[in-house]
Amino acid sequence: MSSSVTLTPPPSPVPDGFRLHTENSSHILISENEAFLNPVQEFNRDLSVACIRTWSEELNELKQKRRAQAKEKRALKAKEGSARKRQRVNESDATAVEPESLKTSTEPLQAGKAIGGKATLIRSETRLIDFASQEKSEYKITILEALSATGLRSIRYVLANDLSPTAVIAMKRNVELNGFGPEKEEEEESARKVNPNLGKVKVNEGDACALMYSHRTDRVDVVDLDPYGTAAPFIDAAVQAVKDEGLLCITCTDLSILATNNYPEKCFSNYGGLPLKAEYSHEAALRLVLHAVSTSASRYGRYIEPLVSLSIDFYVRLFIRVNSSPFQVKKALTKTSSYFVCTSCQSFYEQPLGRVIEKQGSGESVNTIYKTQPGPTVGSKCLECDSSLHIAGPMWSGPIHDTDFVSRVLQHTEANKDHYGTAARMQGMLTVAKEELHTTFYFTPTKIAGFFHCQTPSLEETTSALLHAGQQVSRSHASPGSLKTTGTCEDVMDVFRSWVKKHPIKNVSETSPALRLLAKEPRTEANFSKHPKSVTSSSKFKIVRYPETPANWGPGSRPATGGGNKRKRKHDN
């Protein structure tokens, strides 16, 4: 994906019945109710372009490294073969004198050495070896956006699809508007060919799942799912359509199902797990979607690696690398857990589904055995406040970010601020995600203090107390004022019990959960003095980590067109 793209200027004047929408260097014409577009999701689109560019650079580096290793291997084999041939010739005719012009050099072959940018032929005694130029062109990726609507995102992508005929008309118009359609002469000539030239952005009208299933044998590099609502119906097809080491991008806007316990039956049918109602429900939403993707991929011998998983405004956005490995698929069991969540103090207790046992085999081999996990890890009541527990999950319990990848996306964003209208917000959120601990769930001191009915300690005081206790602490991107720690819920509650001893409270009701929380003595006295690591290195820079809610916040309304937006059975027509 080239970063230097020349786009056509916007039309002047704008045709009647349309309005011009410009996002960074892309322009689209929109008519009322023709296709769905939410301007608030410009951040989503910018983030997608940045992540795909960074991923494609990593993929290109990996392929170049593999090509170099293959060249070295071929050169080594050629050298060894030439040496064996010379030895046989010398043994059979020791007295023969070889002409100077036919002598073979004993220097190693220089694989990949090019002359004038062309392939170089290196002659040996046994064969001709053709080593291509070192200056390989970058690997060209294919991106499939299954649900494109207006095509604003696809203009910055490659292959666009939508079931709605009106959306397809809008896409074709906007693709041509930005200069990514076929040339007129090429279009006329292509119409007579079996495989026509469809331009840089190819537009397809059809069912998203059918299109992705058709790519099971001809996989694409990137699949982007950004539907109106849940992406659950498209996940199974998407994990089969993407190549090994490919990127799967998913947006879900149904947080009323994922981040609350109002519709547990709907969440279970869509994502295979139960939601929870707590302040960390937005992280649980990310983990439920990852669980759905992981289980779908596992059915086909594939496994996932979450690169970036973010809870943003009213939706979640995930970037997941997909690979094939029956051995790695087995590990999905150990990265899945259910959780018992307290209905009062929101303490949670993890119940892993599986565990790994390694046994020494013969020689240096190690046998890996997978077992079910004993349980439950807690009784029927919360250990902190003796309240009832609700069960949530199963959901993904492994890391939700790849720290190295997030760092590279952040570097790309900082180096290309002019290319992204939401660069400042991207920089802030990615900075927090880069520093985020790979632990489950977060808490806010304000919320915990509310359970104790006490004065709220500052973030610095809470962080310092946990650091002095030997725990690690970070922020969470999902909520302002939130903290993640390697400590348990009991460790966090002990910090607040110590805080209450220094800042006593009065008039606690006998029926209040706060009384039951305070009835338990802290195991150690917390130290609230400032810890040297309470301020991270990035805190020294002025960046907006948690921006204000954007104008016109929300998922927007579905376009009210008459046909094409929903699947129809043949007998419904």
Protein backbone atom coordinates (compact mmCIF):
# COMPACT_ATOMS: atom_id res chain seq x y z
CA MET A 1 0.00 0.00 0.00
CA SER A 2 1.67 3.17 -1.14
CA SER A 3 1.46 6.22 1.08
CA SER A 4 1.79 8.66 -1.83
CA VAL A 5 -1.52 8.52 -3.69
CA THR A 6 -2.64 11.23 -6.11
CA LEU A 7 -6.36 11.79 -5.85
CA THR A 8 -8.67 13.70 -8.15
CA PRO A 9 -9.93 17.04 -6.86
CA PRO A 10 -13.55 17.21 -5.67
CA PRO A 11 -16.17 18.01 -8.33
CA SER A 12 -17.18 21.62 -8.73
CA PRO A 13 -20.02 22.33 -8.57
CA VAL A 14 -21.60 19.49 -6.57
CA PRO A 15 -24.43 17.81 -8.56
CA ASP A 16 -28.00 18.57 -7.51
CA GLY A 17 -29.39 16.23 -4.88
CA PHE A 18 -25.97 15.42 -3.43
CA ARG A 19 -23.71 16.80 -0.75
CA LEU A 20 -19.93 16.50 -0.76
CA HIS A 21 -18.25 14.80 2.20
CA THR A 22 -14.45 15.06 2.46
CA GLU A 23 -12.36 12.94 4.80
CA ASN A 24 -8.61 13.55 4.69
CA SER A 25 -7.81 13.23 0.95
CA SER A 26 -10.95 11.27 0.00
CA HIS A 27 -14.19 12.74 -1.35
CA ILE A 28 -17.62 11.16 -1.67
CA LEU A 29 -21.00 12.32 -2.87
CA ILE A 30 -23.91 11.43 -0.60
CA SER A 31 -27.62 11.53 -1.27
CA GLU A 32 -30.16 11.16 1.50
CA ASN A 33 -30.91 7.54 2.60
CA GLU A 34 -28.86 6.10 -0.26
CA ALA A 35 -26.20 4.39 1.90
CA PHE A 36 -25.01 4.40 5.47
CA LEU A 37 -22.21 6.77 6.54
CA ASN A 38 -21.30 7.82 10.08
CA PRO A 39 -18.87 10.78 10.12
CA VAL A 40 -18.09 10.08 13.80
CA GLN A 41 -16.27 6.92 12.72
CA GLU A 42 -13.53 8.85 10.95
CA PHE A 43 -11.31 7.76 13.84
CA ASN A 44 -12.20 4.13 13.06
CA ARG A 45 -11.28 4.58 9.40
CA ASP A 46 -8.02 6.41 10.16
CA LEU A 47 -7.02 3.76 12.69
CA SER A 48 -7.81 1.01 10.16
CA VAL A 49 -5.60 2.54 7.48
CA ALA A 50 -2.73 3.01 9.96
CA CYS A 51 -2.96 -0.56 11.28
CA ILE A 52 -3.20 -2.10 7.80
CA ARG A 53 -0.23 -0.07 6.56
CA THR A 54 1.85 -1.10 9.58
CA TRP A 55 0.82 -4.73 9.22
CA SER A 56 1.62 -4.70 5.48
CA GLU A 57 5.09 -3.28 6.21
CA GLU A 58 5.71 -6.07 8.72
CA LEU A 59 4.48 -8.66 6.23
CA ASN A 60 6.72 -7.25 3.51
CA GLU A 61 9.74 -7.35 5.83
CA LEU A 62 8.94 -10.95 6.74
CA LYS A 63 8.64 -12.00 3.10
CA GLN A 64 11.90 -10.26 2.20
CA LYS A 65 13.63 -12.01 5.09
CA ARG A 66 12.31 -15.38 3.93
CA ARG A 67 13.42 -14.68 0.36
CA ALA A 68 16.91 -13.81 1.60
CA GLN A 69 17.06 -17.02 3.64
CA ALA A 70 15.93 -19.04 0.61
CA LYS A 71 18.63 -17.43 -1.53
CA GLU A 72 21.30 -18.24 1.01
CA LYS A 73 20.09 -21.82 1.17
CA ARG A 74 20.14 -22.18 -2.63
CA ALA A 75 23.59 -20.60 -2.85
CA LEU A 76 24.93 -22.93 -0.16
CA LYS A 77 23.54 -25.99 -1.98
CA ALA A 78 25.04 -24.79 -5.27
CA LYS A 79 28.43 -24.28 -3.62
CA GLU A 80 28.38 -27.73 -2.00
CA GLY A 81 27.32 -29.37 -5.28
CA SER A 82 30.08 -27.61 -7.18
CA ALA A 83 32.68 -28.69 -4.63
CA ARG A 84 31.57 -32.36 -4.85
CA LYS A 85 31.70 -32.22 -8.64
CA ARG A 86 35.26 -30.83 -8.62
CA GLN A 87 36.36 -33.52 -6.20
CA ARG A 88 35.02 -36.29 -8.48
CA VAL A 89 36.70 -34.77 -11.53
CA ASN A 90 40.03 -34.45 -9.74
CA GLU A 91 39.91 -38.03 -8.53
CA SER A 92 39.12 -39.47 -12.00
CA ASP A 93 41.68 -37.42 -13.94
CA ALA A 94 44.38 -36.21 -11.58
CA THR A 95 46.84 -35.53 -14.43
CA ALA A 96 44.46 -33.55 -16.61
CA VAL A 97 45.28 -29.87 -16.94
CA GLU A 98 42.26 -27.61 -16.94
CA PRO A 99 42.43 -24.56 -19.23
CA GLU A 100 42.59 -21.26 -17.36
CA SER A 101 39.40 -20.03 -18.99
CA LEU A 102 37.38 -23.01 -17.68
CA LYS A 103 38.59 -22.97 -14.08
CA THR A 104 35.81 -22.59 -11.52
CA SER A 105 36.11 -19.96 -8.87
CA THR A 106 36.30 -21.25 -5.33
CA GLU A 107 34.69 -18.08 -3.97
CA PRO A 108 31.16 -18.46 -2.64
CA LEU A 109 28.33 -17.55 -4.96
CA GLN A 110 26.85 -14.13 -4.30
CA ALA A 111 23.13 -14.81 -4.24
CA GLY A 112 20.88 -11.97 -5.29
CA LYS A 113 23.66 -9.85 -6.84
CA ALA A 114 22.09 -7.82 -9.65
CA ILE A 115 23.46 -5.86 -12.60
CA GLY A 116 21.47 -2.85 -13.72
CA GLY A 117 18.42 -4.00 -11.75
CA LYS A 118 18.14 -7.21 -13.79
CA ALA A 119 18.59 -10.83 -12.80
CA THR A 120 22.19 -12.07 -12.90
CA LEU A 121 23.17 -15.44 -14.35
CA ILE A 122 25.95 -17.13 -12.39
CA ARG A 123 27.65 -20.00 -14.24
CA SER A 124 28.92 -23.01 -12.31
CA GLU A 125 30.25 -26.36 -13.52
CA THR A 126 26.98 -28.15 -12.91
CA ARG A 127 24.18 -25.74 -13.85
CA LEU A 128 23.01 -22.21 -14.43
CA ILE A 129 21.56 -20.46 -11.37
CA ASP A 130 19.29 -17.48 -11.83
CA PHE A 131 19.28 -15.20 -8.80
CA ALA A 132 16.71 -12.41 -9.00
CA SER A 133 17.48 -8.85 -8.15
CA GLN A 134 17.72 -7.86 -4.51
CA GLU A 135 15.47 -4.93 -5.21
CA LYS A 136 12.22 -6.87 -4.93
CA SER A 137 8.99 -4.97 -5.40
CA GLU A 138 6.83 -4.71 -2.32
CA TYR A 139 4.27 -7.44 -1.79
CA LYS A 140 0.91 -6.19 -3.04
CA ILE A 141 -1.88 -7.01 -0.64
CA THR A 142 -5.55 -7.62 -1.41
CA ILE A 143 -8.13 -6.17 0.98
CA LEU A 144 -11.77 -7.24 1.05
CA GLU A 145 -14.28 -4.96 2.72
CA ALA A 146 -17.40 -7.08 2.90
CA LEU A 147 -19.86 -4.35 3.96
CA SER A 148 -18.81 -1.12 2.27
CA ALA A 149 -21.93 1.11 2.19
CA THR A 150 -20.78 4.42 0.63
CA GLY A 151 -17.28 3.09 -0.08
CA LEU A 152 -15.52 5.86 1.86
CA ARG A 153 -13.32 3.31 3.61
CA SER A 154 -12.92 1.26 0.40
CA ILE A 155 -11.56 4.27 -1.47
CA ARG A 156 -8.57 3.83 0.80
CA TYR A 157 -8.80 0.03 0.33
CA VAL A 158 -9.11 -2.38 -2.63
CA LEU A 159 -12.12 -4.77 -2.96
CA ALA A 160 -15.52 -3.42 -1.86
CA ASN A 161 -18.81 -5.31 -1.48
CA ASP A 162 -22.34 -4.58 -0.36
CA LEU A 163 -25.69 -6.32 -0.68
CA SER A 164 -27.61 -3.09 -1.20
CA PRO A 165 -27.94 -2.02 -4.88
CA THR A 166 -28.15 1.65 -3.86
CA ALA A 167 -24.96 1.30 -1.82
CA VAL A 168 -23.20 -0.28 -4.82
CA ILE A 169 -24.28 2.65 -7.01
CA ALA A 170 -22.89 5.06 -4.40
CA MET A 171 -19.63 3.11 -4.20
CA LYS A 172 -19.08 3.13 -7.97
CA ARG A 173 -19.78 6.84 -8.12
CA ASN A 174 -17.38 7.62 -5.27
CA VAL A 175 -14.65 5.32 -6.60
CA GLU A 176 -14.73 7.13 -9.95
CA LEU A 177 -14.87 10.47 -8.14
CA ASN A 178 -11.53 9.71 -6.48
CA GLY A 179 -9.88 8.42 -9.65
CA PHE A 180 -9.74 4.73 -8.65
CA GLY A 181 -12.07 3.38 -11.34
CA PRO A 182 -10.97 2.03 -14.75
CA GLU A 183 -10.05 4.44 -17.52
CA LYS A 184 -12.76 4.95 -20.14
CA GLU A 185 -10.76 3.32 -22.94
CA GLU A 186 -9.78 0.42 -20.70
CA GLU A 187 -13.40 0.06 -19.56
CA GLU A 188 -14.67 -0.33 -23.13
CA GLU A 189 -11.94 -2.83 -23.99
CA SER A 190 -12.40 -4.72 -20.71
CA ALA A 191 -16.11 -5.16 -21.32
CA ARG A 192 -15.25 -7.59 -24.11
CA LYS A 193 -12.85 -9.63 -21.94
CA VAL A 194 -13.59 -12.49 -19.55
CA ASN A 195 -11.57 -10.85 -16.74
CA PRO A 196 -12.15 -7.12 -17.16
CA ASN A 197 -10.00 -4.40 -15.64
CA LEU A 198 -12.13 -3.05 -12.79
CA GLY A 199 -9.70 -0.38 -11.61
CA LYS A 200 -7.83 -0.08 -8.34
CA VAL A 201 -11.00 -0.44 -6.26
CA LYS A 202 -13.21 -3.33 -7.36
CA VAL A 203 -16.90 -3.00 -6.49
CA ASN A 204 -19.08 -6.09 -6.05
CA GLU A 205 -22.80 -6.40 -5.36
CA GLY A 206 -23.70 -9.51 -3.43
CA ASP A 207 -24.02 -11.28 -0.13
CA ALA A 208 -20.96 -10.68 2.07
CA CYS A 209 -20.76 -14.25 3.38
CA ALA A 210 -21.13 -15.74 -0.11
CA LEU A 211 -18.31 -13.52 -1.38
CA MET A 212 -16.00 -14.48 1.50
CA TYR A 213 -16.82 -18.18 1.21
CA SER A 214 -15.89 -17.96 -2.47
CA HIS A 215 -12.43 -16.85 -1.37
CA ARG A 216 -11.74 -19.92 0.77
CA THR A 217 -9.46 -21.33 -1.94
CA ASP A 218 -8.28 -17.94 -3.21
CA ARG A 219 -7.72 -16.17 0.06
CA VAL A 220 -7.17 -12.44 0.50
CA ASP A 221 -4.65 -10.69 2.74
CA VAL A 222 -7.07 -8.53 4.73
CA VAL A 223 -10.77 -8.89 5.51
CA ASP A 224 -12.53 -5.89 7.05
CA LEU A 225 -15.94 -6.32 8.71
CA ASP A 226 -17.69 -3.10 9.68
CA PRO A 227 -21.43 -3.87 9.74
CA TYR A 228 -24.32 -1.97 11.22
CA GLY A 229 -24.57 -3.81 14.58
CA THR A 230 -22.96 -7.18 15.17
CA ALA A 231 -20.30 -8.82 13.01
CA ALA A 232 -21.20 -12.29 14.35
CA PRO A 233 -22.93 -13.60 11.16
CA PHE A 234 -19.82 -12.84 9.09
CA ILE A 235 -17.03 -14.15 11.36
CA ASP A 236 -17.12 -17.78 10.20
CA ALA A 237 -16.74 -16.79 6.53
CA ALA A 238 -14.10 -14.17 7.32
CA VAL A 239 -11.72 -16.50 9.18
CA GLN A 240 -11.75 -18.82 6.16
CA ALA A 241 -11.25 -16.08 3.57
CA VAL A 242 -8.08 -14.54 5.04
CA LYS A 243 -4.61 -15.89 4.25
CA ASP A 244 -2.11 -17.20 6.77
CA GLU A 245 -0.46 -14.23 8.49
CA GLY A 246 -3.40 -12.21 7.16
CA LEU A 247 -5.27 -9.49 9.02
CA LEU A 248 -8.88 -9.65 10.16
CA CYS A 249 -10.44 -6.29 11.11
CA ILE A 250 -13.76 -6.34 13.00
CA THR A 251 -16.12 -3.66 14.24
CA CYS A 252 -19.14 -4.38 16.47
CA THR A 253 -21.51 -1.60 17.50
CA ASP A 254 -23.93 -3.71 19.54
CA LEU A 255 -22.54 -2.75 22.96
CA SER A 256 -26.05 -2.81 24.40
CA ILE A 257 -25.67 -6.60 24.05
CA LEU A 258 -21.91 -7.00 24.61
CA ALA A 259 -21.39 -4.58 27.51
CA THR A 260 -24.51 -5.14 29.65
CA ASN A 261 -26.42 -8.12 31.00
CA ASN A 262 -29.74 -6.93 29.55
CA TYR A 263 -29.73 -9.51 26.74
CA PRO A 264 -27.63 -12.49 27.87
CA GLU A 265 -29.45 -14.86 25.50
CA LYS A 266 -28.63 -12.66 22.49
CA CYS A 267 -24.99 -12.28 23.52
CA PHE A 268 -24.64 -16.03 23.94
CA SER A 269 -26.19 -16.76 20.54
CA ASN A 270 -23.97 -14.20 18.80
CA TYR A 271 -20.66 -14.65 20.61
CA GLY A 272 -20.88 -17.92 22.54
CA GLY A 273 -20.51 -16.31 25.96
CA LEU A 274 -22.42 -14.40 28.62
CA PRO A 275 -21.78 -10.68 29.21
CA LEU A 276 -21.27 -8.98 32.55
CA LYS A 277 -22.46 -5.75 34.12
CA ALA A 278 -19.53 -3.96 35.73
CA GLU A 279 -17.35 -0.92 35.15
CA TYR A 280 -14.98 -3.11 33.09
CA SER A 281 -17.78 -4.39 30.81
CA HIS A 282 -16.24 -2.73 27.75
CA GLU A 283 -13.09 -4.81 28.07
CA ALA A 284 -15.30 -7.87 28.55
CA ALA A 285 -16.98 -6.94 25.25
CA LEU A 286 -13.61 -7.09 23.49
CA ARG A 287 -12.87 -10.47 25.04
CA LEU A 288 -16.26 -11.89 24.02
CA VAL A 289 -15.67 -10.93 20.38
CA LEU A 290 -12.15 -12.42 20.50
CA HIS A 291 -13.64 -15.62 21.92
CA ALA A 292 -16.10 -15.82 19.03
CA VAL A 293 -13.32 -15.33 16.46
CA SER A 294 -11.01 -17.82 18.21
CA THR A 295 -13.62 -20.59 18.34
CA SER A 296 -14.61 -20.02 14.69
CA ALA A 297 -10.97 -20.13 13.57
CA SER A 298 -10.22 -23.24 15.65
CA ARG A 299 -12.78 -25.28 13.70
CA TYR A 300 -10.58 -24.93 10.62
CA GLY A 301 -7.21 -25.53 12.27
CA ARG A 302 -6.50 -21.82 12.58
CA TYR A 303 -5.58 -19.65 15.54
CA ILE A 304 -5.65 -15.92 16.25
CA GLU A 305 -3.18 -13.34 17.56
CA PRO A 306 -4.87 -10.10 18.72
CA LEU A 307 -2.74 -7.16 17.56
CA VAL A 308 -4.91 -4.21 18.64
CA SER A 309 -8.25 -4.42 20.46
CA LEU A 310 -9.89 -1.12 21.36
CA SER A 311 -13.14 -0.02 22.95
CA ILE A 312 -14.02 3.27 21.25
CA ASP A 313 -17.07 5.45 21.90
CA PHE A 314 -20.07 3.22 21.05
CA TYR A 315 -18.23 0.32 19.39
CA VAL A 316 -15.29 -2.05 19.61
CA ARG A 317 -12.60 -2.33 16.94
CA LEU A 318 -10.24 -5.30 16.69
CA PHE A 319 -7.26 -6.12 14.46
CA ILE A 320 -6.41 -9.82 14.55
CA ARG A 321 -3.70 -11.83 12.80
CA VAL A 322 -4.86 -15.27 11.60
CA ASN A 323 -2.58 -18.28 11.07
CA SER A 324 -2.91 -22.04 10.60
CA SER A 325 -1.37 -24.48 13.07
CA PRO A 326 -3.11 -27.50 14.66
CA PHE A 327 -0.61 -27.32 17.55
CA GLN A 328 -1.37 -23.65 18.30
CA VAL A 329 -5.11 -24.32 18.05
CA LYS A 330 -4.84 -26.54 21.13
CA LYS A 331 -3.58 -23.56 23.15
CA ALA A 332 -6.90 -21.76 22.67
CA LEU A 333 -8.26 -23.86 25.55
CA THR A 334 -5.77 -22.27 27.95
CA LYS A 335 -6.66 -18.75 26.73
CA THR A 336 -10.36 -19.08 27.52
CA SER A 337 -11.98 -18.51 30.91
CA SER A 338 -15.28 -17.92 32.64
CA TYR A 339 -15.59 -15.35 35.44
CA PHE A 340 -17.57 -15.16 38.64
CA VAL A 341 -18.49 -11.49 39.17
CA CYS A 342 -19.76 -10.00 42.43
CA THR A 343 -23.07 -8.17 42.12
CA SER A 344 -22.08 -5.62 44.78
CA CYS A 345 -18.35 -4.80 44.79
CA GLN A 346 -17.65 -6.09 41.26
CA SER A 347 -14.78 -8.30 42.38
CA PHE A 348 -14.13 -11.04 39.83
CA TYR A 349 -12.74 -14.55 40.09
CA GLU A 350 -11.32 -16.27 37.03
CA GLN A 351 -12.17 -19.87 36.18
CA PRO A 352 -9.86 -21.08 33.35
CA LEU A 353 -11.30 -23.80 31.14
CA GLY A 354 -8.05 -25.69 30.63
CA ARG A 355 -4.43 -26.10 31.68
CA VAL A 356 -1.22 -27.43 30.19
CA ILE A 357 1.01 -30.14 31.68
CA GLU A 358 4.48 -30.65 30.25
CA LYS A 359 6.19 -34.01 30.78
CA GLN A 360 9.73 -34.90 29.86
CA GLY A 361 9.81 -37.46 27.06
CA SER A 362 12.61 -39.56 25.69
CA GLY A 363 15.77 -37.57 25.12
CA GLU A 364 15.18 -33.82 24.95
CA SER A 365 11.55 -34.03 23.80
CA VAL A 366 8.78 -32.57 25.94
CA ASN A 367 5.25 -33.97 25.78
CA THR A 368 2.46 -31.42 26.12
CA ILE A 369 -0.79 -32.65 27.65
CA TYR A 370 -3.96 -30.56 27.91
CA LYS A 371 -6.27 -31.07 30.89
CA THR A 372 -9.47 -29.53 32.18
CA GLN A 373 -9.10 -27.04 35.01
CA PRO A 374 -10.36 -27.95 38.53
CA GLY A 375 -13.01 -25.65 39.93
CA PRO A 376 -14.80 -23.66 41.02
CA THR A 377 -12.18 -21.14 42.13
CA VAL A 378 -14.62 -19.49 44.56
CA GLY A 379 -17.69 -20.43 46.58
CA SER A 380 -21.22 -19.19 46.10
CA LYS A 381 -20.48 -15.84 47.79
CA CYS A 382 -17.97 -13.06 47.17
CA LEU A 383 -14.88 -13.36 49.35
CA GLU A 384 -14.73 -9.58 49.86
CA CYS A 385 -18.31 -8.57 50.68
CA ASP A 386 -20.25 -11.87 50.95
CA SER A 387 -22.63 -10.90 48.11
CA SER A 388 -24.00 -13.11 45.34
CA LEU A 389 -21.94 -13.96 42.26
CA HIS A 390 -22.96 -14.00 38.61
CA ILE A 391 -21.16 -15.99 35.95
CA ALA A 392 -19.83 -14.43 32.73
CA GLY A 393 -18.13 -15.93 29.71
CA PRO A 394 -16.53 -18.03 28.49
CA MET A 395 -14.40 -15.33 26.91
CA TRP A 396 -10.85 -14.72 25.72
CA SER A 397 -8.44 -14.43 28.68
CA GLY A 398 -5.17 -13.96 26.77
CA PRO A 399 -3.56 -10.62 25.77
CA ILE A 400 -5.76 -8.26 23.76
CA HIS A 401 -2.83 -6.26 22.34
CA ASP A 402 0.56 -6.99 20.79
CA THR A 403 2.76 -4.34 22.42
CA ASP A 404 5.36 -4.34 19.63
CA PHE A 405 2.72 -3.94 16.95
CA VAL A 406 0.98 -1.12 18.83
CA SER A 407 4.35 0.63 19.13
CA ARG A 408 4.88 0.40 15.38
CA VAL A 409 1.40 1.76 14.63
CA LEU A 410 2.11 4.62 17.03
CA GLN A 411 5.41 5.39 15.28
CA HIS A 412 3.65 5.32 11.91
CA THR A 413 0.95 7.70 13.18
CA GLU A 414 3.48 10.16 14.61
CA ALA A 415 5.42 10.14 11.33
CA ASN A 416 2.29 10.67 9.18
CA LYS A 417 0.15 13.08 11.17
CA ASP A 418 -0.80 14.99 8.04
CA HIS A 419 -2.44 11.87 6.57
CA TYR A 420 -4.94 11.40 9.41
CA GLY A 421 -7.54 13.88 10.56
CA THR A 422 -7.76 12.18 13.97
CA ALA A 423 -4.00 11.74 14.48
CA ALA A 424 -4.02 13.39 17.92
CA ARG A 425 -6.67 11.03 19.23
CA MET A 426 -4.94 8.03 17.65
CA GLN A 427 -1.68 9.00 19.32
CA GLY A 428 -3.33 9.29 22.75
CA MET A 429 -5.27 6.02 22.64
CA LEU A 430 -2.40 4.00 21.15
CA THR A 431 -0.01 5.35 23.78
CA VAL A 432 -2.27 4.06 26.55
CA ALA A 433 -2.75 0.72 24.75
CA LYS A 434 1.01 0.32 24.33
CA GLU A 435 1.57 0.66 28.10
CA GLU A 436 -1.44 -1.48 29.06
CA LEU A 437 -0.72 -4.59 31.12
CA HIS A 438 -1.70 -7.99 29.72
CA THR A 439 -4.01 -8.67 32.66
CA THR A 440 -7.76 -9.13 32.81
CA PHE A 441 -10.03 -6.15 33.52
CA TYR A 442 -9.48 -2.80 35.18
CA PHE A 443 -10.92 -0.71 38.01
CA THR A 444 -11.37 2.98 38.81
CA PRO A 445 -10.55 4.37 42.28
CA THR A 446 -13.73 6.45 42.12
CA LYS A 447 -15.92 3.36 41.74
CA ILE A 448 -14.16 1.37 44.48
CA ALA A 449 -14.32 4.36 46.84
CA GLY A 450 -18.05 4.47 46.19
CA PHE A 451 -18.39 0.90 47.45
CA PHE A 452 -16.62 1.91 50.69
CA HIS A 453 -18.47 5.27 50.94
CA CYS A 454 -15.12 6.92 51.52
CA GLN A 455 -13.10 9.80 50.14
CA THR A 456 -11.50 8.90 46.80
CA PRO A 457 -7.71 8.55 46.76
CA SER A 458 -5.95 10.09 43.81
CA LEU A 459 -4.68 7.98 40.92
CA GLU A 460 -1.12 8.64 42.08
CA GLU A 461 -1.87 7.50 45.63
CA THR A 462 -3.67 4.35 44.46
CA THR A 463 -0.92 3.52 41.96
CA SER A 464 1.84 4.11 44.52
CA ALA A 465 0.17 1.87 47.10
CA LEU A 466 -0.01 -1.01 44.62
CA LEU A 467 3.55 -0.44 43.41
CA HIS A 468 4.88 -0.41 46.99
CA ALA A 469 3.07 -3.73 47.50
CA GLY A 470 5.09 -5.25 44.66
CA GLN A 471 2.40 -5.10 41.96
CA GLN A 472 2.60 -3.68 38.46
CA VAL A 473 0.16 -0.96 37.42
CA SER A 474 -0.90 0.61 34.12
CA ARG A 475 -3.76 2.62 32.67
CA SER A 476 -6.53 1.14 30.51
CA HIS A 477 -7.57 2.67 27.19
CA ALA A 478 -11.20 1.69 27.77
CA SER A 479 -12.09 4.18 30.50
CA PRO A 480 -10.72 7.49 31.84
CA GLY A 481 -9.29 7.21 35.33
CA SER A 482 -8.97 3.43 35.10
CA LEU A 483 -6.11 1.25 36.32
CA LYS A 484 -4.97 -2.30 35.56
CA THR A 485 -2.80 -4.25 37.95
CA THR A 486 -1.17 -7.63 38.34
CA GLY A 487 -2.64 -7.80 41.84
CA THR A 488 -5.89 -9.57 42.71
CA CYS A 489 -9.17 -7.94 43.65
CA GLU A 490 -8.27 -8.68 47.27
CA ASP A 491 -5.07 -6.66 46.88
CA VAL A 492 -7.04 -3.70 45.55
CA MET A 493 -9.62 -3.91 48.34
CA ASP A 494 -6.84 -4.06 50.95
CA VAL A 495 -5.48 -0.76 49.61
CA PHE A 496 -8.87 0.88 50.19
CA ARG A 497 -9.27 -0.71 53.60
CA SER A 498 -5.96 0.87 54.56
CA TRP A 499 -7.11 4.16 53.07
CA VAL A 500 -10.28 4.12 55.19
CA LYS A 501 -8.16 3.67 58.32
CA LYS A 502 -6.35 6.90 57.45
CA HIS A 503 -9.57 8.65 56.35
CA PRO A 504 -12.37 7.28 58.61
CA ILE A 505 -15.99 7.28 57.47
CA LYS A 506 -19.17 7.70 59.49
CA ASN A 507 -22.75 6.54 59.46
CA VAL A 508 -22.46 3.31 57.48
CA SER A 509 -25.76 1.45 57.21
CA GLU A 510 -25.83 -2.02 58.71
CA THR A 511 -27.27 -3.38 55.46
CA SER A 512 -24.69 -1.65 53.27
CA PRO A 513 -22.08 -3.77 51.44
CA ALA A 514 -19.55 -1.19 52.69
CA LEU A 515 -19.94 -2.52 56.21
CA ARG A 516 -19.15 -6.03 55.03
CA LEU A 517 -16.15 -4.75 53.05
CA LEU A 518 -14.80 -2.98 56.12
CA ALA A 519 -15.41 -5.97 58.38
CA LYS A 520 -12.42 -7.65 56.76
CA GLU A 521 -9.06 -6.40 57.96
CA PRO A 522 -6.31 -5.59 55.40
CA ARG A 523 -3.52 -8.16 55.31
CA THR A 524 -0.86 -5.42 55.10
CA GLU A 525 -0.81 -1.67 55.66
CA ALA A 526 -0.67 0.18 52.33
CA ASN A 527 2.00 2.79 51.67
CA PHE A 528 0.50 5.80 49.85
CA SER A 529 3.72 7.81 49.51
CA LYS A 530 4.71 8.65 45.94
CA HIS A 531 6.43 5.79 44.14
CA PRO A 532 9.09 6.60 41.48
CA LYS A 533 7.25 4.52 38.88
CA SER A 534 3.83 6.05 39.52
CA VAL A 535 4.47 8.38 36.57
CA THR A 536 5.10 6.62 33.27
CA SER A 537 7.54 7.91 30.68
CA SER A 538 4.73 8.91 28.33
CA SER A 539 3.07 10.96 31.08
CA LYS A 540 5.80 13.54 30.63
CA PHE A 541 4.37 14.42 27.22
CA LYS A 542 1.17 16.39 26.78
CA ILE A 543 -1.16 14.17 24.78
CA VAL A 544 -4.92 13.71 24.97
CA ARG A 545 -5.40 10.14 26.19
CA TYR A 546 -9.15 10.28 26.74
CA PRO A 547 -10.75 12.84 24.38
CA GLU A 548 -14.20 14.29 24.87
CA THR A 549 -17.19 12.54 23.34
CA PRO A 550 -17.43 13.67 19.69
CA ALA A 551 -20.38 15.62 18.34
CA ASN A 552 -23.31 13.57 17.00
CA TRP A 553 -22.11 10.64 19.11
CA GLY A 554 -23.75 7.29 18.42
CA PRO A 555 -24.04 4.58 15.79
CA GLY A 556 -26.38 6.61 13.58
CA SER A 557 -29.52 5.44 11.82
CA ARG A 558 -29.79 2.65 9.29
CA PRO A 559 -30.55 3.96 5.77
CA ALA A 560 -34.29 3.75 5.10
CA THR A 561 -34.15 2.41 1.57
CA GLY A 562 -36.71 0.00 0.27
CA GLY A 563 -34.60 -2.93 -0.77
CA GLY A 564 -31.25 -4.59 -0.65
CA ASN A 565 -30.36 -3.94 2.99
CA LYS A 566 -31.57 -7.27 4.32
CA ARG A 567 -31.17 -10.79 3.07
CA LYS A 568 -34.33 -12.10 1.41
CA ARG A 569 -35.38 -15.61 0.64
CA LYS A 570 -36.39 -16.29 -2.93
CA HIS A 571 -40.07 -16.79 -2.03
CA ASP A 572 -40.12 -13.39 -0.24
CA ASN A 573 -39.63 -11.51 -3.52
